[in-house]
């Protein structure tokens, strides 16, 4: 049992002494091979498809459930200049892409302050169906804070998404709510 736990050869002498250091006289010891460590199969984690919510127009507050309300106030589909002006060290968007800047307002109507990133997943889904996250930009002007959002206090700011230029026009903002207590996630598209 010890050999399986540490998975190294244990060497026992005729007198019952053990040596695991490897410094031994082979003529005095009998080597026992290490026992294989059993593997335990990890059961697959069930995935639940998000429940779609009706699309919401930009400028309209979307009740996302679980105490969250989100309003997209605007979408700048070519924010390269704004991102460059936010910090001189911001890199340009990838070749063939533009930065998309989304002005959002979030209200937490839950029971306590909550982290945005732990509850909501905001993405820009481009016209080709690819999802882009807001964590791919450097310094963003008037960025939405990622601190805990207090109860009933609107928090407003920008999110930035680098998106291939040819797929920006048909793109939409998508938000997925990861509900508490095992409820299925919900997804809302803001167009």
Protein backbone atom coordinates (compact mmCIF):
# COMPACT_ATOMS: atom_id res chain seq x y z
CA UNK A 1 0.00 0.00 0.00
CA UNK A 2 2.87 2.37 0.75
CA UNK A 3 4.51 1.63 -2.57
CA UNK A 4 1.29 2.50 -4.41
CA UNK A 5 0.92 5.73 -2.51
CA UNK A 6 4.41 7.02 -3.28
CA UNK A 7 4.94 5.10 -6.54
CA UNK A 8 8.69 4.48 -6.11
CA UNK A 9 10.49 1.17 -5.72
CA UNK A 10 10.86 0.02 -2.12
CA UNK A 11 13.88 -2.08 -1.39
CA UNK A 12 13.81 -4.44 1.60
CA UNK A 13 16.81 -6.20 3.04
CA UNK A 14 16.72 -9.68 4.42
CA UNK A 15 16.80 -8.07 7.89
CA UNK A 16 13.65 -6.03 7.07
CA UNK A 17 15.44 -2.67 6.60
CA UNK A 18 14.09 -0.46 3.81
CA UNK A 19 15.91 1.93 1.51
CA UNK A 20 14.20 4.32 -0.89
CA UNK A 21 17.22 6.54 -1.53
CA UNK A 22 18.73 4.40 -4.22
CA UNK A 23 22.06 4.15 -2.28
CA UNK A 24 22.22 0.49 -1.47
CA UNK A 25 24.23 -2.60 -2.09
CA UNK A 26 22.08 -4.70 -4.39
CA UNK A 27 23.56 -7.90 -3.03
CA UNK A 28 21.97 -7.20 0.39
CA UNK A 29 18.50 -6.23 -0.81
CA UNK A 30 15.62 -7.67 -2.79
CA UNK A 31 13.80 -5.09 -4.92
CA UNK A 32 10.03 -5.03 -5.18
CA UNK A 33 8.67 -3.06 -8.12
CA UNK A 34 6.41 -0.10 -7.47
CA UNK A 35 2.75 -0.97 -7.65
CA UNK A 36 0.72 0.88 -10.26
CA UNK A 37 -1.39 3.73 -8.97
CA UNK A 38 -5.02 3.13 -9.88
CA UNK A 39 -6.71 5.79 -11.96
CA UNK A 40 -10.17 7.04 -11.17
CA UNK A 41 -12.38 7.99 -14.07
CA UNK A 42 -13.86 11.45 -13.76
CA UNK A 43 -17.55 11.46 -14.61
CA UNK A 44 -18.52 13.89 -17.36
CA UNK A 45 -19.97 17.18 -16.15
CA UNK A 46 -23.48 17.56 -17.53
CA UNK A 47 -23.94 20.68 -19.59
CA UNK A 48 -27.21 22.52 -19.70
CA UNK A 49 -28.07 24.58 -22.74
CA UNK A 50 -28.87 28.18 -21.80
CA UNK A 51 -32.54 29.12 -21.80
CA UNK A 52 -32.98 31.83 -24.46
CA UNK A 53 -34.68 35.05 -23.41
CA UNK A 54 -36.45 37.29 -25.94
CA UNK A 55 -34.11 39.71 -27.77
CA UNK A 56 -34.01 43.23 -26.37
CA UNK A 57 -33.43 46.45 -28.32
CA UNK A 58 -30.39 48.58 -27.58
CA UNK A 59 -31.38 51.29 -25.12
CA UNK A 60 -34.00 49.09 -23.42
CA UNK A 61 -33.41 47.55 -19.99
CA UNK A 62 -33.32 43.75 -20.16
CA UNK A 63 -34.53 41.87 -17.09
CA UNK A 64 -32.11 38.94 -17.11
CA UNK A 65 -33.50 37.24 -14.03
CA UNK A 66 -31.62 36.34 -10.87
CA UNK A 67 -31.74 40.02 -9.90
CA UNK A 68 -29.82 41.38 -12.89
CA UNK A 69 -30.91 44.17 -15.26
CA UNK A 70 -28.71 45.15 -18.19
CA UNK A 71 -29.04 48.01 -20.65
CA UNK A 72 -26.82 48.43 -23.69
CA UNK A 73 -26.75 52.18 -24.32
CA UNK A 74 -24.71 51.99 -27.50
CA UNK A 75 -22.31 50.03 -29.67
CA UNK A 76 -19.35 51.69 -31.40
CA UNK A 77 -18.42 49.21 -34.14
CA UNK A 78 -15.11 50.91 -34.99
CA UNK A 79 -13.54 52.12 -31.73
CA UNK A 80 -9.90 51.77 -32.79
CA UNK A 81 -9.22 55.50 -32.25
CA UNK A 82 -10.87 55.54 -28.81
CA UNK A 83 -8.92 52.49 -27.62
CA UNK A 84 -5.62 53.94 -28.95
CA UNK A 85 -6.36 57.25 -27.16
CA UNK A 86 -7.12 55.48 -23.85
CA UNK A 87 -3.49 54.46 -23.41
CA UNK A 88 -0.47 55.03 -25.61
CA UNK A 89 0.65 51.44 -24.98
CA UNK A 90 -2.61 49.83 -26.15
CA UNK A 91 -1.81 47.56 -29.08
CA UNK A 92 -3.82 47.94 -32.28
CA UNK A 93 -6.53 45.38 -33.00
CA UNK A 94 -5.47 42.19 -34.76
CA UNK A 95 -4.96 42.58 -38.51
CA UNK A 96 -8.32 42.64 -40.27
CA UNK A 97 -10.20 43.46 -37.06
CA UNK A 98 -11.61 46.49 -35.27
CA UNK A 99 -12.32 47.14 -31.63
CA UNK A 100 -16.03 47.18 -30.81
CA UNK A 101 -16.85 49.31 -27.75
CA UNK A 102 -20.11 48.53 -25.95
CA UNK A 103 -21.59 50.99 -23.42
CA UNK A 104 -23.45 48.93 -20.78
CA UNK A 105 -25.29 49.66 -17.56
CA UNK A 106 -25.84 46.88 -15.04
CA UNK A 107 -28.08 46.90 -11.99
CA UNK A 108 -27.81 44.24 -9.30
CA UNK A 109 -31.20 43.73 -7.63
CA UNK A 110 -30.05 40.66 -5.74
CA UNK A 111 -29.63 40.21 -2.00
CA UNK A 112 -25.97 41.21 -1.81
CA UNK A 113 -23.11 42.77 -3.79
CA UNK A 114 -21.98 40.43 -6.56
CA UNK A 115 -19.13 40.19 -9.01
CA UNK A 116 -20.11 40.76 -12.60
CA UNK A 117 -17.69 38.14 -13.95
CA UNK A 118 -19.03 35.48 -11.56
CA UNK A 119 -22.65 35.95 -12.62
CA UNK A 120 -22.76 37.28 -16.18
CA UNK A 121 -20.87 36.43 -19.34
CA UNK A 122 -20.96 39.27 -21.85
CA UNK A 123 -19.90 38.54 -25.42
CA UNK A 124 -20.05 40.11 -28.85
CA UNK A 125 -21.31 37.47 -31.27
CA UNK A 126 -20.18 38.44 -34.76
CA UNK A 127 -22.04 37.89 -38.02
CA UNK A 128 -20.19 34.60 -38.57
CA UNK A 129 -21.41 33.29 -35.19
CA UNK A 130 -18.06 33.53 -33.39
CA UNK A 131 -18.12 34.79 -29.79
CA UNK A 132 -15.67 37.43 -28.57
CA UNK A 133 -14.99 38.18 -24.90
CA UNK A 134 -14.25 41.56 -23.34
CA UNK A 135 -10.99 40.33 -21.83
CA UNK A 136 -9.01 40.66 -25.07
CA UNK A 137 -8.47 44.44 -24.93
CA UNK A 138 -5.93 46.37 -22.90
CA UNK A 139 -6.89 49.70 -21.31
CA UNK A 140 -10.49 50.60 -22.12
CA UNK A 141 -11.86 54.16 -21.80
CA UNK A 142 -14.49 54.42 -19.03
CA UNK A 143 -14.30 50.65 -18.53
CA UNK A 144 -17.02 48.98 -16.54
CA UNK A 145 -15.54 48.07 -13.15
CA UNK A 146 -15.12 44.44 -12.27
CA UNK A 147 -15.50 45.13 -8.54
CA UNK A 148 -18.53 43.74 -6.69
CA UNK A 149 -21.66 45.51 -7.90
CA UNK A 150 -23.64 46.92 -4.98
CA UNK A 151 -27.37 46.31 -4.60
CA UNK A 152 -29.65 48.70 -6.52
CA UNK A 153 -26.79 50.90 -7.72
CA UNK A 154 -26.52 51.26 -11.51
CA UNK A 155 -22.98 50.67 -12.73
CA UNK A 156 -22.16 51.93 -16.19
CA UNK A 157 -19.09 51.56 -18.36
CA UNK A 158 -17.58 50.23 -21.56
CA UNK A 159 -16.59 46.76 -22.66
CA UNK A 160 -14.23 46.23 -25.59
CA UNK A 161 -14.19 43.36 -28.08
CA UNK A 162 -11.73 42.85 -30.98
CA UNK A 163 -13.84 41.52 -33.87
CA UNK A 164 -13.03 40.67 -37.51
CA UNK A 165 -14.07 43.68 -39.61
CA UNK A 166 -16.17 41.71 -42.11
CA UNK A 167 -18.31 40.21 -39.32
CA UNK A 168 -18.97 43.33 -37.20
CA UNK A 169 -22.06 44.78 -38.95
CA UNK A 170 -24.29 41.76 -38.29
CA UNK A 171 -22.93 41.24 -34.77
CA UNK A 172 -24.98 41.41 -31.56
CA UNK A 173 -24.25 41.74 -27.85
CA UNK A 174 -25.08 38.55 -25.96
CA UNK A 175 -25.25 38.10 -22.21
CA UNK A 176 -25.54 34.79 -20.38
CA UNK A 177 -26.73 34.77 -16.77
CA UNK A 178 -25.37 31.99 -14.59
CA UNK A 179 -28.24 31.72 -12.12
CA UNK A 180 -27.78 30.66 -8.56
CA UNK A 181 -29.03 27.48 -6.94
CA UNK A 182 -28.67 25.21 -9.96
CA UNK A 183 -31.11 26.98 -12.28
CA UNK A 184 -30.17 26.72 -15.96
CA UNK A 185 -28.29 29.67 -17.43
CA UNK A 186 -30.25 32.20 -19.49
CA UNK A 187 -29.04 34.04 -22.59
CA UNK A 188 -30.31 37.36 -23.90
CA UNK A 189 -29.35 39.02 -27.19
CA UNK A 190 -29.33 42.81 -27.41
CA UNK A 191 -29.76 44.03 -30.97
